[in-house]
């Protein structure tokens, strides 16, 4: 097996240098959480299952990966549950911003919540003619998911968006299976 030279490694780093640590910075005890964060995690089991989910969500959403798949002309963007800090870093990086400008399929992040998709991405970066899907459903506890302003902005931009909770509003180019289990679309490559 051929070994990778240091220059090859640098050219093919899987993550931005901001996310890398030098060997001497390694913490073998994994003390990456503050005392307050550890206390919050210790108390997670002290409430209902929904409260547990909310506590965990608060602890990990900022660590979500934003993933882009490029195949030919297709650029599929999956931001996961990325929140403001992750979005700000990605939008502020010229290389990432250019990549996001090529998006022609967007999986709306974080169920369309208030911190799912910045206005800057919708108005200034997302190109016209995109397709998007939003995995959402009404939940009493989260009355503002999906955020109506986000869904309206995406609908008003020339593109097409399908929502899991509104099958009757599927735009042309999206199909559902007979059991309403999944939504499909085709993206030209």
Foldseek 3Di string as FASTA:
>chain_A
DDDDDPVNCVVPPPDDPVPDDDPVPDDPVPPPDDPVLVVLLVCLPVDDPVSNVVSVCVVPLCVFDWDWDDDPLAIETERESHFDVVVVVQCPDVVSLVSLLSHQEYEFYPQQPPGGDDPCCLPPRHAAAHEYEGEHDDDPVRNCGNPPVVVVSNVPGRYFYYYLHCPVPHDPQWDAPPVSPDIDGDDDD
